[in-house]
């Protein structure tokens, strides 16, 4: 590797470190996109955006959302972050006889294994996760996918 290549790699790493993926204006756009999708589906939800260090960066509970969502949305975000995969993928892995059977019990209820949680990856690096709860599993998953799409669009 020559000096120019090394310099370019260092510049890229420093640019990624200085990027504020969780800027307020960006997160507001992400939540707005999720709320728009939820409204189109005629459902109220709670939306939680979590950074890689497990800090809630944004949480929004729609006025028509049920109370359960305020507990489940952060769990879905945490679960997607902890397992580094969408929570909808975990469902089949925790069934009796499956490789991760009973992991939910071992995690004292902290892990959620149904749709609505998706990790956030930028340039292949895990930087956080989004969790959505309040509708059906399919609705939560759709709204979360919309939020992640908006997040990624804002990250380009």
N, C-alpha and C. Protein backbone atom coordinates (compact mmCIF):
# COMPACT_ATOMS: atom_id res chain seq x y z
N UNK A 1 0.85 -1.17 0.00
CA UNK A 1 0.00 0.00 0.00
C UNK A 1 0.90 1.23 0.00
N UNK A 2 0.60 2.13 -0.92
CA UNK A 2 1.43 3.33 -1.00
C UNK A 2 0.88 4.43 -0.08
N UNK A 3 1.62 5.50 0.01
CA UNK A 3 1.29 6.60 0.91
C UNK A 3 -0.06 7.25 0.56
N UNK A 4 -0.38 7.37 -0.72
CA UNK A 4 -1.64 7.96 -1.15
C UNK A 4 -2.84 7.11 -0.74
N UNK A 5 -2.71 5.79 -0.89
CA UNK A 5 -3.79 4.89 -0.50
C UNK A 5 -4.03 4.95 1.01
N UNK A 6 -2.95 4.94 1.76
CA UNK A 6 -3.05 5.01 3.22
C UNK A 6 -3.68 6.33 3.64
N UNK A 7 -3.29 7.41 3.01
CA UNK A 7 -3.87 8.73 3.31
C UNK A 7 -5.36 8.76 3.03
N UNK A 8 -5.77 8.14 1.93
CA UNK A 8 -7.20 8.11 1.57
C UNK A 8 -7.99 7.30 2.59
N UNK A 9 -7.42 6.19 3.05
CA UNK A 9 -8.10 5.35 4.05
C UNK A 9 -8.25 6.12 5.36
N UNK A 10 -7.20 6.79 5.79
CA UNK A 10 -7.25 7.56 7.03
C UNK A 10 -8.26 8.69 6.92
N UNK A 11 -8.29 9.37 5.77
CA UNK A 11 -9.25 10.45 5.55
C UNK A 11 -10.68 9.93 5.63
N UNK A 12 -10.94 8.76 5.03
CA UNK A 12 -12.27 8.16 5.06
C UNK A 12 -12.69 7.79 6.49
N UNK A 13 -11.78 7.21 7.24
CA UNK A 13 -12.08 6.82 8.62
C UNK A 13 -12.39 8.06 9.47
N UNK A 14 -11.59 9.10 9.32
CA UNK A 14 -11.81 10.33 10.08
C UNK A 14 -13.14 10.98 9.69
N UNK A 15 -13.49 10.93 8.41
CA UNK A 15 -14.77 11.51 7.96
C UNK A 15 -15.93 10.75 8.56
N UNK A 16 -15.83 9.43 8.63
CA UNK A 16 -16.90 8.63 9.22
C UNK A 16 -17.03 8.92 10.71
N UNK A 17 -15.92 9.10 11.39
CA UNK A 17 -15.96 9.37 12.82
C UNK A 17 -16.54 10.74 13.12
N UNK A 18 -16.33 11.69 12.23
CA UNK A 18 -16.81 13.05 12.50
C UNK A 18 -18.25 13.25 12.02
N UNK A 19 -18.79 12.30 11.28
CA UNK A 19 -20.16 12.42 10.80
C UNK A 19 -21.14 12.24 11.95
N UNK A 20 -22.07 13.18 12.07
CA UNK A 20 -23.08 13.06 13.11
C UNK A 20 -24.30 12.39 12.50
N UNK A 21 -24.35 11.07 12.61
CA UNK A 21 -25.46 10.32 12.05
C UNK A 21 -26.75 10.58 12.81
N UNK A 22 -26.65 11.13 13.99
CA UNK A 22 -27.82 11.33 14.84
C UNK A 22 -28.13 12.80 15.07
N UNK A 23 -27.87 13.62 14.07
CA UNK A 23 -28.21 15.05 14.15
C UNK A 23 -29.72 15.21 14.27
N UNK A 24 -30.15 16.19 15.04
CA UNK A 24 -31.56 16.40 15.32
C UNK A 24 -32.40 16.53 14.05
N UNK A 25 -31.98 17.35 13.11
CA UNK A 25 -32.75 17.55 11.88
C UNK A 25 -32.92 16.25 11.11
N UNK A 26 -31.87 15.46 11.08
CA UNK A 26 -31.92 14.17 10.39
C UNK A 26 -32.93 13.25 11.07
N UNK A 27 -32.85 13.15 12.38
CA UNK A 27 -33.76 12.26 13.12
C UNK A 27 -35.20 12.72 13.00
N UNK A 28 -35.40 14.02 12.95
CA UNK A 28 -36.76 14.53 12.75
C UNK A 28 -37.32 14.09 11.41
N UNK A 29 -36.50 14.09 10.36
CA UNK A 29 -36.94 13.62 9.04
C UNK A 29 -37.26 12.14 9.08
N UNK A 30 -36.47 11.37 9.79
CA UNK A 30 -36.71 9.93 9.91
C UNK A 30 -38.04 9.67 10.61
N UNK A 31 -38.26 10.35 11.71
CA UNK A 31 -39.52 10.18 12.45
C UNK A 31 -40.70 10.65 11.60
N UNK A 32 -40.54 11.76 10.90
CA UNK A 32 -41.61 12.25 10.02
C UNK A 32 -41.98 11.21 8.97
N UNK A 33 -40.98 10.56 8.38
CA UNK A 33 -41.24 9.52 7.37
C UNK A 33 -41.99 8.34 8.00
N UNK A 34 -41.58 7.96 9.20
CA UNK A 34 -42.24 6.85 9.89
C UNK A 34 -43.68 7.20 10.25
N UNK A 35 -43.90 8.41 10.73
CA UNK A 35 -45.25 8.86 11.09
C UNK A 35 -46.13 8.92 9.84
N UNK A 36 -45.58 9.39 8.74
CA UNK A 36 -46.35 9.45 7.49
C UNK A 36 -46.78 8.04 7.07
N UNK A 37 -45.87 7.07 7.18
CA UNK A 37 -46.20 5.68 6.83
C UNK A 37 -47.24 5.12 7.80
N UNK A 38 -47.07 5.37 9.09
CA UNK A 38 -48.02 4.89 10.09
C UNK A 38 -49.41 5.48 9.85
N UNK A 39 -49.45 6.75 9.52
CA UNK A 39 -50.72 7.43 9.24
C UNK A 39 -51.39 6.80 8.02
N UNK A 40 -50.61 6.49 7.01
CA UNK A 40 -51.15 5.84 5.81
C UNK A 40 -51.72 4.46 6.14
N UNK A 41 -51.12 3.80 7.12
CA UNK A 41 -51.60 2.48 7.55
C UNK A 41 -52.70 2.60 8.62
N UNK A 42 -53.01 3.85 9.00
CA UNK A 42 -54.04 4.11 10.02
C UNK A 42 -53.73 3.45 11.36
N UNK A 43 -52.49 3.63 11.80
CA UNK A 43 -52.06 3.06 13.07
C UNK A 43 -51.15 4.06 13.80
N UNK A 44 -51.24 4.07 15.11
CA UNK A 44 -50.34 4.88 15.93
C UNK A 44 -49.22 4.02 16.46
N UNK A 45 -48.01 4.54 16.44
CA UNK A 45 -46.86 3.76 16.89
C UNK A 45 -45.91 4.62 17.73
N UNK A 46 -45.01 3.93 18.40
CA UNK A 46 -43.87 4.55 19.05
C UNK A 46 -42.65 4.22 18.20
N UNK A 47 -41.80 5.21 17.97
CA UNK A 47 -40.59 5.05 17.16
C UNK A 47 -39.40 5.40 18.04
N UNK A 48 -38.41 4.52 18.08
CA UNK A 48 -37.21 4.76 18.88
C UNK A 48 -35.98 4.58 18.01
N UNK A 49 -35.07 5.54 18.08
CA UNK A 49 -33.80 5.46 17.36
C UNK A 49 -32.70 5.39 18.42
N UNK A 50 -31.93 4.33 18.34
CA UNK A 50 -30.91 4.01 19.33
C UNK A 50 -29.54 4.06 18.67
N UNK A 51 -28.56 4.66 19.32
CA UNK A 51 -27.20 4.65 18.79
C UNK A 51 -26.49 3.36 19.21
N UNK A 52 -25.34 3.11 18.60
CA UNK A 52 -24.58 1.88 18.84
C UNK A 52 -24.20 1.71 20.31
N UNK A 53 -24.07 2.79 21.04
CA UNK A 53 -23.72 2.71 22.46
C UNK A 53 -24.96 2.58 23.36
N UNK A 54 -26.11 2.23 22.75
CA UNK A 54 -27.37 1.95 23.43
C UNK A 54 -28.05 3.17 24.03
N UNK A 55 -27.71 4.35 23.54
CA UNK A 55 -28.33 5.58 24.00
C UNK A 55 -29.49 5.94 23.07
N UNK A 56 -30.65 6.22 23.65
CA UNK A 56 -31.79 6.64 22.86
C UNK A 56 -31.50 8.02 22.30
N UNK A 57 -31.48 8.13 20.98
CA UNK A 57 -31.22 9.40 20.31
C UNK A 57 -32.51 10.14 20.01
N UNK A 58 -33.60 9.38 19.80
CA UNK A 58 -34.90 9.98 19.51
C UNK A 58 -35.97 8.95 19.86
N UNK A 59 -37.03 9.45 20.47
CA UNK A 59 -38.19 8.62 20.77
C UNK A 59 -39.43 9.46 20.53
N UNK A 60 -40.38 8.91 19.78
CA UNK A 60 -41.61 9.63 19.52
C UNK A 60 -42.79 8.67 19.65
N UNK A 61 -43.75 9.07 20.47
CA UNK A 61 -44.97 8.29 20.70
C UNK A 61 -46.12 9.06 20.08
N UNK A 62 -46.68 8.52 19.00
CA UNK A 62 -47.80 9.20 18.33
C UNK A 62 -48.98 9.29 19.29
N UNK A 63 -49.77 10.37 19.21
CA UNK A 63 -50.89 10.55 20.13
C UNK A 63 -51.90 9.39 20.13
N UNK A 64 -52.05 8.71 19.00
CA UNK A 64 -53.00 7.61 18.91
C UNK A 64 -52.35 6.24 19.11
N UNK A 65 -51.10 6.22 19.57
CA UNK A 65 -50.39 4.95 19.80
C UNK A 65 -50.82 4.32 21.12
N UNK A 66 -50.77 2.99 21.15
CA UNK A 66 -51.09 2.30 22.40
C UNK A 66 -49.91 2.36 23.35
N UNK A 67 -50.17 2.13 24.61
CA UNK A 67 -49.14 2.23 25.64
C UNK A 67 -48.09 1.13 25.53
N UNK A 68 -48.47 -0.03 25.03
CA UNK A 68 -47.53 -1.15 24.90
C UNK A 68 -46.35 -0.77 24.01
N UNK A 69 -46.62 0.03 22.99
CA UNK A 69 -45.57 0.43 22.06
C UNK A 69 -44.43 1.18 22.72
N UNK A 70 -44.74 1.95 23.76
CA UNK A 70 -43.69 2.71 24.44
C UNK A 70 -42.71 1.81 25.18
N UNK A 71 -43.13 0.60 25.49
CA UNK A 71 -42.24 -0.39 26.11
C UNK A 71 -41.54 -1.24 25.05
N UNK A 72 -42.30 -1.64 24.02
CA UNK A 72 -41.74 -2.56 23.02
C UNK A 72 -40.82 -1.91 22.00
N UNK A 73 -41.07 -0.68 21.59
CA UNK A 73 -40.22 -0.04 20.57
C UNK A 73 -38.75 0.02 20.99
N UNK A 74 -38.44 0.47 22.22
CA UNK A 74 -37.03 0.47 22.60
C UNK A 74 -36.44 -0.94 22.70
N UNK A 75 -37.27 -1.91 23.10
CA UNK A 75 -36.79 -3.30 23.16
C UNK A 75 -36.48 -3.83 21.77
N UNK A 76 -37.32 -3.46 20.80
CA UNK A 76 -37.07 -3.90 19.43
C UNK A 76 -35.78 -3.28 18.89
N UNK A 77 -35.56 -1.98 19.15
CA UNK A 77 -34.32 -1.34 18.72
C UNK A 77 -33.13 -1.99 19.38
N UNK A 78 -33.21 -2.23 20.69
CA UNK A 78 -32.09 -2.87 21.41
C UNK A 78 -31.83 -4.27 20.88
N UNK A 79 -32.89 -5.02 20.63
CA UNK A 79 -32.74 -6.39 20.14
C UNK A 79 -32.07 -6.42 18.77
N UNK A 80 -32.47 -5.52 17.88
CA UNK A 80 -31.85 -5.44 16.55
C UNK A 80 -30.37 -5.07 16.66
N UNK A 81 -30.07 -4.18 17.59
CA UNK A 81 -28.68 -3.77 17.82
C UNK A 81 -27.88 -4.92 18.43
N UNK A 82 -28.42 -5.55 19.46
CA UNK A 82 -27.70 -6.61 20.16
C UNK A 82 -27.46 -7.84 19.29
N UNK A 83 -28.45 -8.18 18.48
CA UNK A 83 -28.34 -9.38 17.63
C UNK A 83 -27.80 -9.06 16.24
N UNK A 84 -27.64 -7.77 15.94
CA UNK A 84 -27.10 -7.29 14.67
C UNK A 84 -27.86 -7.83 13.46
N UNK A 85 -29.19 -7.88 13.62
CA UNK A 85 -30.05 -8.31 12.52
C UNK A 85 -31.47 -7.84 12.79
N UNK A 86 -32.29 -7.77 11.75
CA UNK A 86 -33.68 -7.38 11.97
C UNK A 86 -34.38 -8.36 12.90
N UNK A 87 -35.20 -7.83 13.79
CA UNK A 87 -35.88 -8.70 14.75
C UNK A 87 -36.82 -9.67 14.07
N UNK A 88 -37.33 -9.33 12.91
CA UNK A 88 -38.23 -10.24 12.20
C UNK A 88 -37.50 -11.54 11.82
N UNK A 89 -36.19 -11.47 11.63
CA UNK A 89 -35.40 -12.67 11.31
C UNK A 89 -35.21 -13.58 12.52
N UNK A 90 -35.38 -13.04 13.71
CA UNK A 90 -35.13 -13.81 14.93
C UNK A 90 -36.25 -14.79 15.24
N UNK A 91 -37.45 -14.50 14.78
CA UNK A 91 -38.61 -15.32 15.12
C UNK A 91 -38.39 -16.80 14.84
N UNK A 92 -37.91 -17.12 13.66
CA UNK A 92 -37.70 -18.52 13.32
C UNK A 92 -36.55 -19.15 14.11
N UNK A 93 -35.63 -18.32 14.59
CA UNK A 93 -34.46 -18.83 15.31
C UNK A 93 -34.74 -19.17 16.77
N UNK A 94 -35.91 -18.74 17.29
CA UNK A 94 -36.21 -18.96 18.71
C UNK A 94 -37.32 -19.99 18.92
N UNK A 95 -37.77 -20.62 17.85
CA UNK A 95 -38.83 -21.63 17.95
C UNK A 95 -38.27 -22.90 18.60
N UNK A 96 -39.14 -23.71 19.23
CA UNK A 96 -38.67 -24.97 19.83
C UNK A 96 -37.87 -25.80 18.83
N UNK A 97 -36.71 -26.24 19.25
CA UNK A 97 -35.81 -27.02 18.41
C UNK A 97 -34.84 -26.18 17.60
N UNK A 98 -35.09 -24.87 17.50
CA UNK A 98 -34.19 -23.99 16.74
C UNK A 98 -32.97 -23.63 17.59
N UNK A 99 -31.97 -23.13 16.91
CA UNK A 99 -30.67 -22.85 17.54
C UNK A 99 -30.74 -21.90 18.73
N UNK A 100 -31.61 -20.90 18.69
CA UNK A 100 -31.68 -19.90 19.77
C UNK A 100 -32.92 -20.09 20.66
N UNK A 101 -33.48 -21.29 20.64
CA UNK A 101 -34.66 -21.56 21.46
C UNK A 101 -34.39 -21.18 22.92
N UNK A 102 -35.28 -20.45 23.51
CA UNK A 102 -35.30 -19.98 24.90
C UNK A 102 -34.36 -18.80 25.17
N UNK A 103 -33.75 -18.22 24.16
CA UNK A 103 -32.87 -17.07 24.41
C UNK A 103 -33.65 -15.92 25.05
N UNK A 104 -34.93 -15.76 24.66
CA UNK A 104 -35.74 -14.68 25.23
C UNK A 104 -35.84 -14.84 26.75
N UNK A 105 -36.03 -16.06 27.20
CA UNK A 105 -36.12 -16.35 28.63
C UNK A 105 -34.79 -16.05 29.32
N UNK A 106 -33.71 -16.42 28.68
CA UNK A 106 -32.38 -16.19 29.25
C UNK A 106 -32.04 -14.71 29.34
N UNK A 107 -32.69 -13.90 28.52
CA UNK A 107 -32.42 -12.46 28.50
C UNK A 107 -33.40 -11.68 29.39
N UNK A 108 -34.13 -12.38 30.23
CA UNK A 108 -35.05 -11.76 31.20
C UNK A 108 -36.04 -10.79 30.54
N UNK A 109 -36.51 -11.16 29.35
CA UNK A 109 -37.51 -10.34 28.68
C UNK A 109 -36.96 -9.12 27.94
N UNK A 110 -35.66 -8.95 27.91
CA UNK A 110 -35.07 -7.78 27.24
C UNK A 110 -35.07 -7.93 25.72
N UNK A 111 -35.01 -9.17 25.24
CA UNK A 111 -34.92 -9.45 23.82
C UNK A 111 -36.31 -9.65 23.21
N UNK A 112 -36.57 -8.97 22.11
CA UNK A 112 -37.82 -9.10 21.38
C UNK A 112 -37.52 -9.74 20.03
N UNK A 113 -38.32 -10.75 19.67
CA UNK A 113 -38.00 -11.52 18.46
C UNK A 113 -39.12 -11.51 17.44
N UNK A 114 -39.81 -10.40 17.31
CA UNK A 114 -40.78 -10.26 16.22
C UNK A 114 -40.54 -8.92 15.54
N UNK A 115 -41.10 -8.77 14.37
CA UNK A 115 -40.79 -7.64 13.49
C UNK A 115 -40.97 -6.26 14.10
N UNK A 116 -40.19 -5.33 13.58
CA UNK A 116 -40.28 -3.93 14.00
C UNK A 116 -38.98 -3.36 14.50
N UNK A 117 -37.90 -4.14 14.49
CA UNK A 117 -36.58 -3.64 14.88
C UNK A 117 -35.57 -3.93 13.79
N UNK A 118 -34.82 -2.92 13.38
CA UNK A 118 -33.84 -3.08 12.30
C UNK A 118 -32.55 -2.35 12.68
N UNK A 119 -31.40 -3.04 12.55
CA UNK A 119 -30.13 -2.35 12.82
C UNK A 119 -29.80 -1.33 11.74
N UNK A 120 -29.03 -0.33 12.11
CA UNK A 120 -28.57 0.70 11.18
C UNK A 120 -27.10 0.47 10.89
N UNK A 121 -26.77 0.29 9.62
CA UNK A 121 -25.38 0.11 9.21
C UNK A 121 -25.03 1.14 8.16
N UNK A 122 -23.91 1.81 8.35
CA UNK A 122 -23.40 2.78 7.40
C UNK A 122 -21.98 2.36 7.05
N UNK A 123 -21.73 2.21 5.75
CA UNK A 123 -20.42 1.74 5.26
C UNK A 123 -20.03 0.43 5.93
N UNK A 124 -21.02 -0.43 6.17
CA UNK A 124 -20.77 -1.74 6.78
C UNK A 124 -20.60 -1.72 8.28
N UNK A 125 -20.65 -0.53 8.89
CA UNK A 125 -20.47 -0.41 10.34
C UNK A 125 -21.81 -0.28 11.05
N UNK A 126 -22.01 -1.06 12.08
CA UNK A 126 -23.22 -0.98 12.89
C UNK A 126 -23.16 0.30 13.71
N UNK A 127 -24.14 1.19 13.52
CA UNK A 127 -24.11 2.47 14.23
C UNK A 127 -25.31 2.66 15.14
N UNK A 128 -26.30 1.76 15.06
CA UNK A 128 -27.49 1.90 15.88
C UNK A 128 -28.60 1.01 15.39
N UNK A 129 -29.83 1.36 15.78
CA UNK A 129 -31.00 0.58 15.37
C UNK A 129 -32.25 1.43 15.54
N UNK A 130 -33.29 1.02 14.85
CA UNK A 130 -34.61 1.65 14.97
C UNK A 130 -35.60 0.59 15.40
N UNK A 131 -36.48 0.95 16.33
CA UNK A 131 -37.56 0.07 16.76
C UNK A 131 -38.90 0.78 16.62
N UNK A 132 -39.90 0.04 16.15
CA UNK A 132 -41.25 0.58 15.98
C UNK A 132 -42.23 -0.41 16.57
N UNK A 133 -43.20 0.12 17.33
CA UNK A 133 -44.22 -0.76 17.90
C UNK A 133 -45.53 -0.02 18.07
N UNK A 134 -46.61 -0.75 17.90
CA UNK A 134 -47.94 -0.18 18.09
C UNK A 134 -48.98 -0.79 17.17
N UNK A 135 -48.54 -1.33 16.04
CA UNK A 135 -49.46 -1.94 15.08
C UNK A 135 -49.29 -3.45 15.08
N UNK A 136 -49.72 -4.06 14.00
CA UNK A 136 -49.46 -5.49 13.83
C UNK A 136 -47.97 -5.65 13.53
N UNK A 137 -47.49 -6.87 13.57
CA UNK A 137 -46.08 -7.11 13.25
C UNK A 137 -45.77 -6.61 11.84
N UNK A 138 -46.66 -6.89 10.89
CA UNK A 138 -46.44 -6.45 9.51
C UNK A 138 -46.42 -4.93 9.41
N UNK A 139 -47.31 -4.25 10.13
CA UNK A 139 -47.33 -2.78 10.11
C UNK A 139 -46.07 -2.21 10.73
N UNK A 140 -45.69 -2.73 11.89
CA UNK A 140 -44.48 -2.25 12.56
C UNK A 140 -43.26 -2.44 11.66
N UNK A 141 -43.17 -3.59 11.01
CA UNK A 141 -42.04 -3.88 10.13
C UNK A 141 -42.02 -2.90 8.96
N UNK A 142 -43.16 -2.67 8.35
CA UNK A 142 -43.25 -1.74 7.22
C UNK A 142 -42.85 -0.32 7.62
N UNK A 143 -43.34 0.12 8.76
CA UNK A 143 -43.02 1.48 9.24
C UNK A 143 -41.52 1.58 9.57
N UNK A 144 -40.99 0.53 10.19
CA UNK A 144 -39.56 0.52 10.53
C UNK A 144 -38.70 0.54 9.26
N UNK A 145 -39.10 -0.23 8.26
CA UNK A 145 -38.37 -0.23 6.99
C UNK A 145 -38.38 1.16 6.36
N UNK A 146 -39.52 1.85 6.45
CA UNK A 146 -39.61 3.22 5.94
C UNK A 146 -38.67 4.14 6.70
N UNK A 147 -38.62 3.99 8.02
CA UNK A 147 -37.73 4.82 8.85
C UNK A 147 -36.26 4.56 8.51
N UNK A 148 -35.90 3.30 8.35
CA UNK A 148 -34.52 2.95 8.01
C UNK A 148 -34.16 3.51 6.64
N UNK A 149 -35.08 3.40 5.69
CA UNK A 149 -34.85 3.95 4.35
C UNK A 149 -34.60 5.46 4.42
N UNK A 150 -35.40 6.16 5.22
CA UNK A 150 -35.22 7.60 5.39
C UNK A 150 -33.88 7.89 6.06
N UNK A 151 -33.52 7.11 7.06
CA UNK A 151 -32.23 7.28 7.75
C UNK A 151 -31.08 7.12 6.77
N UNK A 152 -31.15 6.07 5.95
CA UNK A 152 -30.06 5.82 5.00
C UNK A 152 -29.99 6.91 3.94
N UNK A 153 -31.11 7.40 3.50
CA UNK A 153 -31.15 8.49 2.51
C UNK A 153 -30.49 9.74 3.11
N UNK A 154 -30.76 10.00 4.38
CA UNK A 154 -30.18 11.16 5.07
C UNK A 154 -28.68 10.96 5.35
N UNK A 155 -28.21 9.71 5.31
CA UNK A 155 -26.81 9.40 5.62
C UNK A 155 -25.91 9.42 4.39
N UNK A 156 -26.51 9.50 3.21
CA UNK A 156 -25.70 9.51 1.97
C UNK A 156 -24.98 10.82 1.79
